[in-house]
Amino acid sequence: MDYYASYKNSKDPSLLRKELVSYALTYGNKKAARHFQTTVKTVRKWRKRWQEKKGVGLKDLSKKPEKSPRMMKMYWQFKIKALAEKATADNKRINGAVELNASIASLTPSGRLSNI
């Protein structure tokens, strides 16, 4: 049984990993690695996660880092958001106060838009 091919074609890889772990608990890591055609390191990893978290540990972990060194501080995020909301509110207020009932062409002396 090829672990990686089965993993790719599987809709729920945690079931395959559960089978891998149960085989490893019964026969050992090396035999499980040979049976599933994978490495001992992979078997060890899934067995460790199983022992720590049981069924939840067999699901894929996110690749997203927990902390980003380039991420902006929360204080500045809130400040920028507040400024953007204020600018939006100001634009709505200004746009509502100024209403033009004429077209731009009628505001130019020649009726053309060339020298605006």
PDB file of N, CA and C in Angstrom:
ATOM      1  N   MET A   1       0.855  -1.183   0.000  1.00  0.00           N
ATOM      2  CA  MET A   1       0.000   0.000   0.000  1.00  0.00           C
ATOM      3  C   MET A   1       0.896   1.239   0.000  1.00  0.00           C
ATOM      4  N   ASP A   2       0.682   2.107  -0.948  1.00  0.00           N
ATOM      5  CA  ASP A   2       1.480   3.325  -1.068  1.00  0.00           C
ATOM      6  C   ASP A   2       0.775   4.454  -0.321  1.00  0.00           C
ATOM      7  N   TYR A   3       1.390   4.952   0.754  1.00  0.00           N
ATOM      8  CA  TYR A   3       0.791   5.977   1.604  1.00  0.00           C
ATOM      9  C   TYR A   3       0.535   7.261   0.828  1.00  0.00           C
ATOM     10  N   TYR A   4       1.507   7.735   0.063  1.00  0.00           N
ATOM     11  CA  TYR A   4       1.383   9.026  -0.611  1.00  0.00           C
ATOM     12  C   TYR A   4       0.340   8.990  -1.725  1.00  0.00           C
ATOM     13  N   ALA A   5       0.265   7.901  -2.470  1.00  0.00           N
ATOM     14  CA  ALA A   5      -0.753   7.781  -3.520  1.00  0.00           C
ATOM     15  C   ALA A   5      -2.140   7.701  -2.885  1.00  0.00           C
ATOM     16  N   SER A   6      -2.256   6.944  -1.814  1.00  0.00           N
ATOM     17  CA  SER A   6      -3.543   6.838  -1.114  1.00  0.00           C
ATOM     18  C   SER A   6      -3.933   8.176  -0.506  1.00  0.00           C
ATOM     19  N   TYR A   7      -2.949   8.896   0.012  1.00  0.00           N
ATOM     20  CA  TYR A   7      -3.186  10.208   0.625  1.00  0.00           C
ATOM     21  C   TYR A   7      -3.722  11.191  -0.411  1.00  0.00           C
ATOM     22  N   LYS A   8      -3.119  11.181  -1.605  1.00  0.00           N
ATOM     23  CA  LYS A   8      -3.542  12.101  -2.666  1.00  0.00           C
ATOM     24  C   LYS A   8      -4.967  11.811  -3.120  1.00  0.00           C
ATOM     25  N   ASN A   9      -5.328  10.542  -3.211  1.00  0.00           N
ATOM     26  CA  ASN A   9      -6.633  10.148  -3.727  1.00  0.00           C
ATOM     27  C   ASN A   9      -7.712  10.096  -2.651  1.00  0.00           C
ATOM     28  N   SER A  10      -7.335  10.273  -1.412  1.00  0.00           N
ATOM     29  CA  SER A  10      -8.275  10.143  -0.306  1.00  0.00           C
ATOM     30  C   SER A  10      -9.065  11.436  -0.093  1.00  0.00           C
ATOM     31  N   LYS A  11     -10.361  11.289   0.194  1.00  0.00           N
ATOM     32  CA  LYS A  11     -11.174  12.455   0.530  1.00  0.00           C
ATOM     33  C   LYS A  11     -10.965  12.848   1.988  1.00  0.00           C
ATOM     34  N   ASP A  12     -10.659  11.861   2.834  1.00  0.00           N
ATOM     35  CA  ASP A  12     -10.418  12.123   4.253  1.00  0.00           C
ATOM     36  C   ASP A  12      -9.109  11.440   4.664  1.00  0.00           C
ATOM     37  N   PRO A  13      -7.975  12.153   4.568  1.00  0.00           N
ATOM     38  CA  PRO A  13      -6.683  11.545   4.876  1.00  0.00           C
ATOM     39  C   PRO A  13      -6.537  11.111   6.332  1.00  0.00           C
ATOM     40  N   SER A  14      -7.350  11.654   7.224  1.00  0.00           N
ATOM     41  CA  SER A  14      -7.219  11.272   8.634  1.00  0.00           C
ATOM     42  C   SER A  14      -7.566   9.803   8.844  1.00  0.00           C
ATOM     43  N   LEU A  15      -8.444   9.230   8.000  1.00  0.00           N
ATOM     44  CA  LEU A  15      -8.758   7.805   8.109  1.00  0.00           C
ATOM     45  C   LEU A  15      -7.549   6.947   7.742  1.00  0.00           C
ATOM     46  N   LEU A  16      -6.845   7.354   6.707  1.00  0.00           N
ATOM     47  CA  LEU A  16      -5.633   6.651   6.303  1.00  0.00           C
ATOM     48  C   LEU A  16      -4.568   6.751   7.390  1.00  0.00           C
ATOM     49  N   ARG A  17      -4.453   7.917   7.991  1.00  0.00           N
ATOM     50  CA  ARG A  17      -3.474   8.112   9.062  1.00  0.00           C
ATOM     51  C   ARG A  17      -3.840   7.300  10.291  1.00  0.00           C
ATOM     52  N   LYS A  18      -5.135   7.174  10.561  1.00  0.00           N
ATOM     53  CA  LYS A  18      -5.576   6.351  11.692  1.00  0.00           C
ATOM     54  C   LYS A  18      -5.198   4.893  11.465  1.00  0.00           C
ATOM     55  N   GLU A  19      -5.369   4.437  10.239  1.00  0.00           N
ATOM     56  CA  GLU A  19      -4.983   3.074   9.873  1.00  0.00           C
ATOM     57  C   GLU A  19      -3.464   2.897  10.014  1.00  0.00           C
ATOM     58  N   LEU A  20      -2.715   3.897   9.587  1.00  0.00           N
ATOM     59  CA  LEU A  20      -1.256   3.879   9.707  1.00  0.00           C
ATOM     60  C   LEU A  20      -0.829   3.788  11.169  1.00  0.00           C
ATOM     61  N   VAL A  21      -1.447   4.599  12.011  1.00  0.00           N
ATOM     62  CA  VAL A  21      -1.097   4.619  13.433  1.00  0.00           C
ATOM     63  C   VAL A  21      -1.465   3.294  14.099  1.00  0.00           C
ATOM     64  N   SER A  22      -2.647   2.774  13.803  1.00  0.00           N
ATOM     65  CA  SER A  22      -3.044   1.506  14.425  1.00  0.00           C
ATOM     66  C   SER A  22      -2.123   0.361  14.004  1.00  0.00           C
ATOM     67  N   TYR A  23      -1.690   0.382  12.733  1.00  0.00           N
ATOM     68  CA  TYR A  23      -0.744  -0.635  12.256  1.00  0.00           C
ATOM     69  C   TYR A  23       0.597  -0.473  12.977  1.00  0.00           C
ATOM     70  N   ALA A  24       1.024   0.782  13.167  1.00  0.00           N
ATOM     71  CA  ALA A  24       2.292   1.049  13.846  1.00  0.00           C
ATOM     72  C   ALA A  24       2.234   0.634  15.319  1.00  0.00           C
ATOM     73  N   LEU A  25       1.109   0.831  15.959  1.00  0.00           N
ATOM     74  CA  LEU A  25       0.966   0.424  17.355  1.00  0.00           C
ATOM     75  C   LEU A  25       1.007  -1.097  17.501  1.00  0.00           C
ATOM     76  N   THR A  26       0.503  -1.789  16.495  1.00  0.00           N
ATOM     77  CA  THR A  26       0.474  -3.249  16.537  1.00  0.00           C
ATOM     78  C   THR A  26       1.820  -3.862  16.160  1.00  0.00           C
ATOM     79  N   TYR A  27       2.409  -3.386  15.057  1.00  0.00           N
ATOM     80  CA  TYR A  27       3.600  -4.039  14.504  1.00  0.00           C
ATOM     81  C   TYR A  27       4.893  -3.234  14.640  1.00  0.00           C
ATOM     82  N   GLY A  28       4.808  -1.967  14.997  1.00  0.00           N
ATOM     83  CA  GLY A  28       6.005  -1.134  15.124  1.00  0.00           C
ATOM     84  C   GLY A  28       6.133  -0.155  13.965  1.00  0.00           C
ATOM     85  N   ASN A  29       6.988   0.838  14.174  1.00  0.00           N
ATOM     86  CA  ASN A  29       7.144   1.911  13.180  1.00  0.00           C
ATOM     87  C   ASN A  29       7.778   1.430  11.880  1.00  0.00           C
ATOM     88  N   LYS A  30       8.821   0.610  11.979  1.00  0.00           N
ATOM     89  CA  LYS A  30       9.522   0.164  10.764  1.00  0.00           C
ATOM     90  C   LYS A  30       8.618  -0.676   9.871  1.00  0.00           C
ATOM     91  N   LYS A  31       7.895  -1.618  10.474  1.00  0.00           N
ATOM     92  CA  LYS A  31       7.006  -2.463   9.668  1.00  0.00           C
ATOM     93  C   LYS A  31       5.864  -1.644   9.074  1.00  0.00           C
ATOM     94  N   ALA A  32       5.372  -0.688   9.828  1.00  0.00           N
ATOM     95  CA  ALA A  32       4.310   0.178   9.310  1.00  0.00           C
ATOM     96  C   ALA A  32       4.821   1.012   8.140  1.00  0.00           C
ATOM     97  N   ALA A  33       6.047   1.513   8.268  1.00  0.00           N
ATOM     98  CA  ALA A  33       6.643   2.300   7.184  1.00  0.00           C
ATOM     99  C   ALA A  33       6.805   1.451   5.925  1.00  0.00           C
ATOM    100  N   ARG A  34       7.236   0.208   6.096  1.00  0.00           N
ATOM    101  CA  ARG A  34       7.379  -0.674   4.940  1.00  0.00           C
ATOM    102  C   ARG A  34       6.021  -1.013   4.330  1.00  0.00           C
ATOM    103  N   HIS A  35       5.053  -1.311   5.188  1.00  0.00           N
ATOM    104  CA  HIS A  35       3.728  -1.691   4.708  1.00  0.00           C
ATOM    105  C   HIS A  35       3.059  -0.541   3.937  1.00  0.00           C
ATOM    106  N   PHE A  36       3.178   0.686   4.434  1.00  0.00           N
ATOM    107  CA  PHE A  36       2.548   1.835   3.793  1.00  0.00           C
ATOM    108  C   PHE A  36       3.472   2.535   2.803  1.00  0.00           C
ATOM    109  N   GLN A  37       4.652   1.997   2.596  1.00  0.00           N
ATOM    110  CA  GLN A  37       5.647   2.537   1.660  1.00  0.00           C
ATOM    111  C   GLN A  37       5.914   4.016   1.922  1.00  0.00           C
ATOM    112  N   THR A  38       6.253   4.317   3.152  1.00  0.00           N
ATOM    113  CA  THR A  38       6.601   5.669   3.554  1.00  0.00           C
ATOM    114  C   THR A  38       7.825   5.598   4.466  1.00  0.00           C
ATOM    115  N   THR A  39       8.196   6.700   5.068  1.00  0.00           N
ATOM    116  CA  THR A  39       9.385   6.709   5.924  1.00  0.00           C
ATOM    117  C   THR A  39       8.995   6.497   7.382  1.00  0.00           C
ATOM    118  N   VAL A  40       9.971   6.060   8.162  1.00  0.00           N
ATOM    119  CA  VAL A  40       9.769   5.868   9.593  1.00  0.00           C
ATOM    120  C   VAL A  40       9.485   7.223  10.250  1.00  0.00           C
ATOM    121  N   LYS A  41      10.100   8.267   9.741  1.00  0.00           N
ATOM    122  CA  LYS A  41       9.891   9.607  10.272  1.00  0.00           C
ATOM    123  C   LYS A  41       8.415  10.019  10.148  1.00  0.00           C
ATOM    124  N   THR A  42       7.788   9.704   9.016  1.00  0.00           N
ATOM    125  CA  THR A  42       6.376  10.015   8.820  1.00  0.00           C
ATOM    126  C   THR A  42       5.506   9.236   9.795  1.00  0.00           C
ATOM    127  N   VAL A  43       5.809   7.964   9.961  1.00  0.00           N
ATOM    128  CA  VAL A  43       5.046   7.131  10.899  1.00  0.00           C
ATOM    129  C   VAL A  43       5.199   7.677  12.314  1.00  0.00           C
ATOM    130  N   ARG A  44       6.429   8.026  12.669  1.00  0.00           N
ATOM    131  CA  ARG A  44       6.707   8.564  14.007  1.00  0.00           C
ATOM    132  C   ARG A  44       5.931   9.866  14.244  1.00  0.00           C
ATOM    133  N   LYS A  45       5.888  10.721  13.223  1.00  0.00           N
ATOM    134  CA  LYS A  45       5.184  12.000  13.338  1.00  0.00           C
ATOM    135  C   LYS A  45       3.699  11.782  13.618  1.00  0.00           C
ATOM    136  N   TRP A  46       3.040  10.915  12.846  1.00  0.00           N
ATOM    137  CA  TRP A  46       1.610  10.689  13.022  1.00  0.00           C
ATOM    138  C   TRP A  46       1.314   9.939  14.315  1.00  0.00           C
ATOM    139  N   ARG A  47       2.218   9.069  14.709  1.00  0.00           N
ATOM    140  CA  ARG A  47       2.029   8.350  15.965  1.00  0.00           C
ATOM    141  C   ARG A  47       2.137   9.306  17.156  1.00  0.00           C
ATOM    142  N   LYS A  48       3.076  10.245  17.078  1.00  0.00           N
ATOM    143  CA  LYS A  48       3.243  11.238  18.141  1.00  0.00           C
ATOM    144  C   LYS A  48       2.012  12.135  18.230  1.00  0.00           C
ATOM    145  N   ARG A  49       1.527  12.590  17.084  1.00  0.00           N
ATOM    146  CA  ARG A  49       0.330  13.444  17.086  1.00  0.00           C
ATOM    147  C   ARG A  49      -0.883  12.683  17.623  1.00  0.00           C
ATOM    148  N   TRP A  50      -0.989  11.404  17.315  1.00  0.00           N
ATOM    149  CA  TRP A  50      -2.084  10.581  17.809  1.00  0.00           C
ATOM    150  C   TRP A  50      -2.026  10.482  19.341  1.00  0.00           C
ATOM    151  N   GLN A  51      -0.829  10.284  19.864  1.00  0.00           N
ATOM    152  CA  GLN A  51      -0.683  10.156  21.315  1.00  0.00           C
ATOM    153  C   GLN A  51      -0.985  11.477  22.029  1.00  0.00           C
ATOM    154  N   GLU A  52      -0.687  12.591  21.392  1.00  0.00           N
ATOM    155  CA  GLU A  52      -0.921  13.894  22.021  1.00  0.00           C
ATOM    156  C   GLU A  52      -2.382  14.331  21.947  1.00  0.00           C
ATOM    157  N   LYS A  53      -3.009  14.186  20.773  1.00  0.00           N
ATOM    158  CA  LYS A  53      -4.346  14.759  20.568  1.00  0.00           C
ATOM    159  C   LYS A  53      -5.393  13.762  20.098  1.00  0.00           C
ATOM    160  N   LYS A  54      -5.053  12.511  19.992  1.00  0.00           N
ATOM    161  CA  LYS A  54      -5.955  11.462  19.481  1.00  0.00           C
ATOM    162  C   LYS A  54      -6.435  11.797  18.066  1.00  0.00           C
ATOM    163  N   GLY A  55      -7.737  11.700  17.796  1.00  0.00           N
ATOM    164  CA  GLY A  55      -8.268  11.860  16.435  1.00  0.00           C
ATOM    165  C   GLY A  55      -8.048  13.228  15.829  1.00  0.00           C
ATOM    166  N   VAL A  56      -8.073  14.276  16.651  1.00  0.00           N
ATOM    167  CA  VAL A  56      -7.885  15.638  16.147  1.00  0.00           C
ATOM    168  C   VAL A  56      -6.463  15.828  15.626  1.00  0.00           C
ATOM    169  N   GLY A  57      -5.511  15.136  16.217  1.00  0.00           N
ATOM    170  CA  GLY A  57      -4.111  15.266  15.819  1.00  0.00           C
ATOM    171  C   GLY A  57      -3.804  14.703  14.450  1.00  0.00           C
ATOM    172  N   LEU A  58      -4.728  13.904  13.893  1.00  0.00           N
ATOM    173  CA  LEU A  58      -4.487  13.290  12.582  1.00  0.00           C
ATOM    174  C   LEU A  58      -4.949  14.166  11.420  1.00  0.00           C
ATOM    175  N   LYS A  59      -5.492  15.326  11.718  1.00  0.00           N
ATOM    176  CA  LYS A  59      -5.901  16.244  10.652  1.00  0.00           C
ATOM    177  C   LYS A  59      -4.714  17.104  10.223  1.00  0.00           C
ATOM    178  N   ASP A  60      -4.801  17.653   9.009  1.00  0.00           N
ATOM    179  CA  ASP A  60      -3.732  18.514   8.502  1.00  0.00           C
ATOM    180  C   ASP A  60      -3.628  19.780   9.343  1.00  0.00           C
ATOM    181  N   LEU A  61      -2.403  20.219   9.594  1.00  0.00           N
ATOM    182  CA  LEU A  61      -2.186  21.479  10.296  1.00  0.00           C
ATOM    183  C   LEU A  61      -2.036  22.597   9.269  1.00  0.00           C
ATOM    184  N   SER A  62      -2.391  23.798   9.663  1.00  0.00           N
ATOM    185  CA  SER A  62      -2.267  24.947   8.787  1.00  0.00           C
ATOM    186  C   SER A  62      -0.792  25.284   8.574  1.00  0.00           C
ATOM    187  N   LYS A  63      -0.463  25.717   7.383  1.00  0.00           N
ATOM    188  CA  LYS A  63       0.903  26.131   7.070  1.00  0.00           C
ATOM    189  C   LYS A  63       1.152  27.595   7.431  1.00  0.00           C
ATOM    190  N   LYS A  64       0.079  28.286   7.819  1.00  0.00           N
ATOM    191  CA  LYS A  64       0.167  29.702   8.146  1.00  0.00           C
ATOM    192  C   LYS A  64       0.981  29.892   9.429  1.00  0.00           C
ATOM    193  N   PRO A  65       1.918  30.811   9.435  1.00  0.00           N
ATOM    194  CA  PRO A  65       2.686  31.050  10.660  1.00  0.00           C
ATOM    195  C   PRO A  65       1.807  31.669  11.740  1.00  0.00           C
ATOM    196  N   GLU A  66       2.130  31.365  12.992  1.00  0.00           N
ATOM    197  CA  GLU A  66       1.340  31.905  14.088  1.00  0.00           C
ATOM    198  C   GLU A  66       1.554  33.405  14.239  1.00  0.00           C
ATOM    199  N   LYS A  67       2.785  33.856  14.048  1.00  0.00           N
ATOM    200  CA  LYS A  67       3.090  35.281  14.131  1.00  0.00           C
ATOM    201  C   LYS A  67       3.854  35.691  12.888  1.00  0.00           C
ATOM    202  N   SER A  68       3.478  36.832  12.347  1.00  0.00           N
ATOM    203  CA  SER A  68       4.183  37.356  11.189  1.00  0.00           C
ATOM    204  C   SER A  68       5.041  38.537  11.637  1.00  0.00           C
ATOM    205  N   PRO A  69       6.353  38.495  11.389  1.00  0.00           N
ATOM    206  CA  PRO A  69       7.210  39.596  11.828  1.00  0.00           C
ATOM    207  C   PRO A  69       6.904  40.903  11.098  1.00  0.00           C
ATOM    208  N   ARG A  70       6.290  40.831   9.940  1.00  0.00           N
ATOM    209  CA  ARG A  70       5.999  42.034   9.162  1.00  0.00           C
ATOM    210  C   ARG A  70       4.594  42.582   9.424  1.00  0.00           C
ATOM    211  N   MET A  71       3.840  41.891  10.237  1.00  0.00           N
ATOM    212  CA  MET A  71       2.470  42.327  10.481  1.00  0.00           C
ATOM    213  C   MET A  71       2.443  43.619  11.289  1.00  0.00           C
ATOM    214  N   MET A  72       1.546  44.497  10.895  1.00  0.00           N
ATOM    215  CA  MET A  72       1.415  45.788  11.556  1.00  0.00           C
ATOM    216  C   MET A  72       0.811  45.600  12.951  1.00  0.00           C
ATOM    217  N   LYS A  73       1.240  46.411  13.898  1.00  0.00           N
ATOM    218  CA  LYS A  73       0.712  46.344  15.249  1.00  0.00           C
ATOM    219  C   LYS A  73      -0.784  46.661  15.240  1.00  0.00           C
ATOM    220  N   MET A  74      -1.531  46.069  16.168  1.00  0.00           N
ATOM    221  CA  MET A  74      -2.980  46.248  16.232  1.00  0.00           C
ATOM    222  C   MET A  74      -3.361  47.728  16.395  1.00  0.00           C
ATOM    223  N   TYR A  75      -2.578  48.460  17.169  1.00  0.00           N
ATOM    224  CA  TYR A  75      -2.856  49.876  17.388  1.00  0.00           C
ATOM    225  C   TYR A  75      -2.935  50.613  16.060  1.00  0.00           C
ATOM    226  N   TRP A  76      -1.944  50.369  15.204  1.00  0.00           N
ATOM    227  CA  TRP A  76      -1.898  51.072  13.923  1.00  0.00           C
ATOM    228  C   TRP A  76      -2.991  50.589  12.987  1.00  0.00           C
ATOM    229  N   GLN A  77      -3.339  49.307  13.062  1.00  0.00           N
ATOM    230  CA  GLN A  77      -4.436  48.800  12.236  1.00  0.00           C
ATOM    231  C   GLN A  77      -5.738  49.525  12.568  1.00  0.00           C
ATOM    232  N   PHE A  78      -6.020  49.700  13.866  1.00  0.00           N
ATOM    233  CA  PHE A  78      -7.238  50.403  14.274  1.00  0.00           C
ATOM    234  C   PHE A  78      -7.203  51.874  13.879  1.00  0.00           C
ATOM    235  N   LYS A  79      -6.032  52.512  14.014  1.00  0.00           N
ATOM    236  CA  LYS A  79      -5.904  53.919  13.638  1.00  0.00           C
ATOM    237  C   LYS A  79      -6.196  54.108  12.145  1.00  0.00           C
ATOM    238  N   ILE A  80      -5.611  53.276  11.320  1.00  0.00           N
ATOM    239  CA  ILE A  80      -5.790  53.376   9.868  1.00  0.00           C
ATOM    240  C   ILE A  80      -7.244  53.108   9.489  1.00  0.00           C
ATOM    241  N   LYS A  81      -7.845  52.111  10.121  1.00  0.00           N
ATOM    242  CA  LYS A  81      -9.241  51.797   9.834  1.00  0.00           C
ATOM    243  C   LYS A  81     -10.143  52.967  10.216  1.00  0.00           C
ATOM    244  N   ALA A  82      -9.870  53.582  11.369  1.00  0.00           N
ATOM    245  CA  ALA A  82     -10.671  54.730  11.802  1.00  0.00           C
ATOM    246  C   ALA A  82     -10.520  55.891  10.832  1.00  0.00           C
ATOM    247  N   LEU A  83      -9.304  56.150  10.363  1.00  0.00           N
ATOM    248  CA  LEU A  83      -9.081  57.230   9.386  1.00  0.00           C
ATOM    249  C   LEU A  83      -9.814  56.948   8.074  1.00  0.00           C
ATOM    250  N   ALA A  84      -9.783  55.699   7.633  1.00  0.00           N
ATOM    251  CA  ALA A  84     -10.463  55.337   6.389  1.00  0.00           C
ATOM    252  C   ALA A  84     -11.970  55.511   6.522  1.00  0.00           C
ATOM    253  N   GLU A  85     -12.525  55.112   7.670  1.00  0.00           N
ATOM    254  CA  GLU A  85     -13.964  55.272   7.879  1.00  0.00           C
ATOM    255  C   GLU A  85     -14.352  56.750   7.941  1.00  0.00           C
ATOM    256  N   LYS A  86     -13.502  57.557   8.576  1.00  0.00           N
ATOM    257  CA  LYS A  86     -13.768  59.000   8.666  1.00  0.00           C
ATOM    258  C   LYS A  86     -13.719  59.625   7.275  1.00  0.00           C
ATOM    259  N   ALA A  87     -12.733  59.227   6.468  1.00  0.00           N
ATOM    260  CA  ALA A  87     -12.618  59.767   5.111  1.00  0.00           C
ATOM    261  C   ALA A  87     -13.835  59.374   4.272  1.00  0.00           C
ATOM    262  N   THR A  88     -14.311  58.159   4.439  1.00  0.00           N
ATOM    263  CA  THR A  88     -15.501  57.721   3.704  1.00  0.00           C
ATOM    264  C   THR A  88     -16.714  58.540   4.117  1.00  0.00           C
ATOM    265  N   ALA A  89     -16.858  58.756   5.416  1.00  0.00           N
ATOM    266  CA  ALA A  89     -17.987  59.548   5.914  1.00  0.00           C
ATOM    267  C   ALA A  89     -17.900  60.989   5.418  1.00  0.00           C
ATOM    268  N   ASP A  90     -16.692  61.570   5.410  1.00  0.00           N
ATOM    269  CA  ASP A  90     -16.511  62.940   4.925  1.00  0.00           C
ATOM    270  C   ASP A  90     -16.840  63.044   3.446  1.00  0.00           C
ATOM    271  N   ASN A  91     -16.412  62.045   2.670  1.00  0.00           N
ATOM    272  CA  ASN A  91     -16.700  62.058   1.232  1.00  0.00           C
ATOM    273  C   ASN A  91     -18.195  61.984   0.972  1.00  0.00           C
ATOM    274  N   LYS A  92     -18.895  61.158   1.734  1.00  0.00           N
ATOM    275  CA  LYS A  92     -20.348  61.068   1.559  1.00  0.00           C
ATOM    276  C   LYS A  92     -21.006  62.398   1.909  1.00  0.00           C
ATOM    277  N   ARG A  93     -20.523  63.048   2.967  1.00  0.00           N
ATOM    278  CA  ARG A  93     -21.089  64.326   3.388  1.00  0.00           C
ATOM    279  C   ARG A  93     -20.848  65.391   2.319  1.00  0.00           C
ATOM    280  N   ILE A  94     -19.617  65.436   1.795  1.00  0.00           N
ATOM    281  CA  ILE A  94     -19.273  66.429   0.772  1.00  0.00           C
ATOM    282  C   ILE A  94     -20.034  66.160  -0.518  1.00  0.00           C
ATOM    283  N   ASN A  95     -20.082  64.899  -0.933  1.00  0.00           N
ATOM    284  CA  ASN A  95     -20.795  64.563  -2.167  1.00  0.00           C
ATOM    285  C   ASN A  95     -22.285  64.851  -2.045  1.00  0.00           C
ATOM    286  N   GLY A  96     -22.852  64.692  -0.866  1.00  0.00           N
ATOM    287  CA  GLY A  96     -24.264  64.985  -0.666  1.00  0.00           C
ATOM    288  C   GLY A  96     -24.544  66.476  -0.660  1.00  0.00           C
ATOM    289  N   ALA A  97     -23.580  67.293  -0.226  1.00  0.00           N
ATOM    290  CA  ALA A  97     -23.777  68.743  -0.145  1.00  0.00           C
ATOM    291  C   ALA A  97     -23.621  69.418  -1.498  1.00  0.00           C
ATOM    292  N   VAL A  98     -22.770  68.881  -2.338  1.00  0.00           N
ATOM    293  CA  VAL A  98     -22.509  69.488  -3.647  1.00  0.00           C
ATOM    294  C   VAL A  98     -23.233  68.672  -4.699  1.00  0.00           C
ATOM    295  N   GLU A  99     -24.251  69.249  -5.273  1.00  0.00           N
ATOM    296  CA  GLU A  99     -24.972  68.571  -6.341  1.00  0.00           C
ATOM    297  C   GLU A  99     -24.904  69.433  -7.594  1.00  0.00           C
ATOM    298  N   LEU A 100     -24.407  68.854  -8.654  1.00  0.00           N
ATOM    299  CA  LEU A 100     -24.347  69.566  -9.923  1.00  0.00           C
ATOM    300  C   LEU A 100     -25.492  69.085 -10.797  1.00  0.00           C
ATOM    301  N   ASN A 101     -26.290  70.026 -11.261  1.00  0.00           N
ATOM    302  CA  ASN A 101     -27.406  69.677 -12.137  1.00  0.00           C
ATOM    303  C   ASN A 101     -27.054  69.908 -13.601  1.00  0.00           C
ATOM    304  N   ALA A 102     -25.798  70.196 -13.869  1.00  0.00           N
ATOM    305  CA  ALA A 102     -25.375  70.451 -15.235  1.00  0.00           C
ATOM    306  C   ALA A 102     -24.256  69.485 -15.595  1.00  0.00           C
ATOM    307  N   SER A 103     -24.109  69.233 -16.871  1.00  0.00           N
ATOM    308  CA  SER A 103     -23.024  68.368 -17.301  1.00  0.00           C
ATOM    309  C   SER A 103     -21.726  69.161 -17.377  1.00  0.00           C
ATOM    310  N   ILE A 104     -20.613  68.489 -17.421  1.00  0.00           N
ATOM    311  CA  ILE A 104     -19.313  69.163 -17.501  1.00  0.00           C
ATOM    312  C   ILE A 104     -19.194  69.921 -18.815  1.00  0.00           C
ATOM    313  N   ALA A 105     -19.717  69.368 -19.889  1.00  0.00           N
ATOM    314  CA  ALA A 105     -19.637  70.024 -21.197  1.00  0.00           C
ATOM    315  C   ALA A 105     -20.363  71.366 -21.188  1.00  0.00           C
ATOM    316  N   SER A 106     -21.462  71.453 -20.452  1.00  0.00           N
ATOM    317  CA  SER A 106     -22.194  72.718 -20.433  1.00  0.00           C
ATOM    318  C   SER A 106     -21.503  73.772 -19.568  1.00  0.00           C
ATOM    319  N   LEU A 107     -20.569  73.364 -18.718  1.00  0.00           N
ATOM    320  CA  LEU A 107     -19.839  74.297 -17.867  1.00  0.00           C
ATOM    321  C   LEU A 107     -18.638  74.912 -18.574  1.00  0.00           C
ATOM    322  N   THR A 108     -18.159  74.330 -19.651  1.00  0.00           N
ATOM    323  CA  THR A 108     -17.012  74.861 -20.381  1.00  0.00           C
ATOM    324  C   THR A 108     -17.496  75.855 -21.422  1.00  0.00           C
ATOM    325  N   PRO A 109     -16.685  76.872 -21.703  1.00  0.00           N
ATOM    326  CA  PRO A 109     -17.125  77.908 -22.650  1.00  0.00           C
ATOM    327  C   PRO A 109     -17.413  77.372 -24.052  1.00  0.00           C
ATOM    328  N   SER A 110     -16.583  76.447 -24.529  1.00  0.00           N
ATOM    329  CA  SER A 110     -16.795  75.971 -25.915  1.00  0.00           C
ATOM    330  C   SER A 110     -17.650  74.714 -25.952  1.00  0.00           C
ATOM    331  N   GLY A 111     -17.941  74.168 -24.791  1.00  0.00           N
ATOM    332  CA  GLY A 111     -18.718  72.945 -24.779  1.00  0.00           C
ATOM    333  C   GLY A 111     -17.869  71.695 -24.955  1.00  0.00           C
ATOM    334  N   ARG A 112     -16.539  71.897 -25.015  1.00  0.00           N
ATOM    335  CA  ARG A 112     -15.625  70.759 -25.176  1.00  0.00           C
ATOM    336  C   ARG A 112     -14.861  70.521 -23.887  1.00  0.00           C
ATOM    337  N   LEU A 113     -14.349  69.351 -23.734  1.00  0.00           N
ATOM    338  CA  LEU A 113     -13.630  68.976 -22.527  1.00  0.00           C
ATOM    339  C   LEU A 113     -12.122  69.111 -22.664  1.00  0.00           C
ATOM    340  N   SER A 114     -11.632  69.761 -23.715  1.00  0.00           N
ATOM    341  CA  SER A 114     -10.199  69.728 -24.020  1.00  0.00           C
ATOM    342  C   SER A 114      -9.340  70.475 -23.014  1.00  0.00           C
ATOM    343  N   ASN A 115      -9.739  71.602 -22.490  1.00  0.00           N
ATOM    344  CA  ASN A 115      -8.873  72.405 -21.631  1.00  0.00           C
ATOM    345  C   ASN A 115      -9.285  72.376 -20.160  1.00  0.00           C
ATOM    346  N   ILE A 116      -9.781  71.286 -19.692  1.00  0.00           N
ATOM    347  CA  ILE A 116     -10.191  71.212 -18.283  1.00  0.00           C
ATOM    348  C   ILE A 116      -9.046  70.711 -17.446  1.00  0.00           C
TER     349      ILE A 116
END
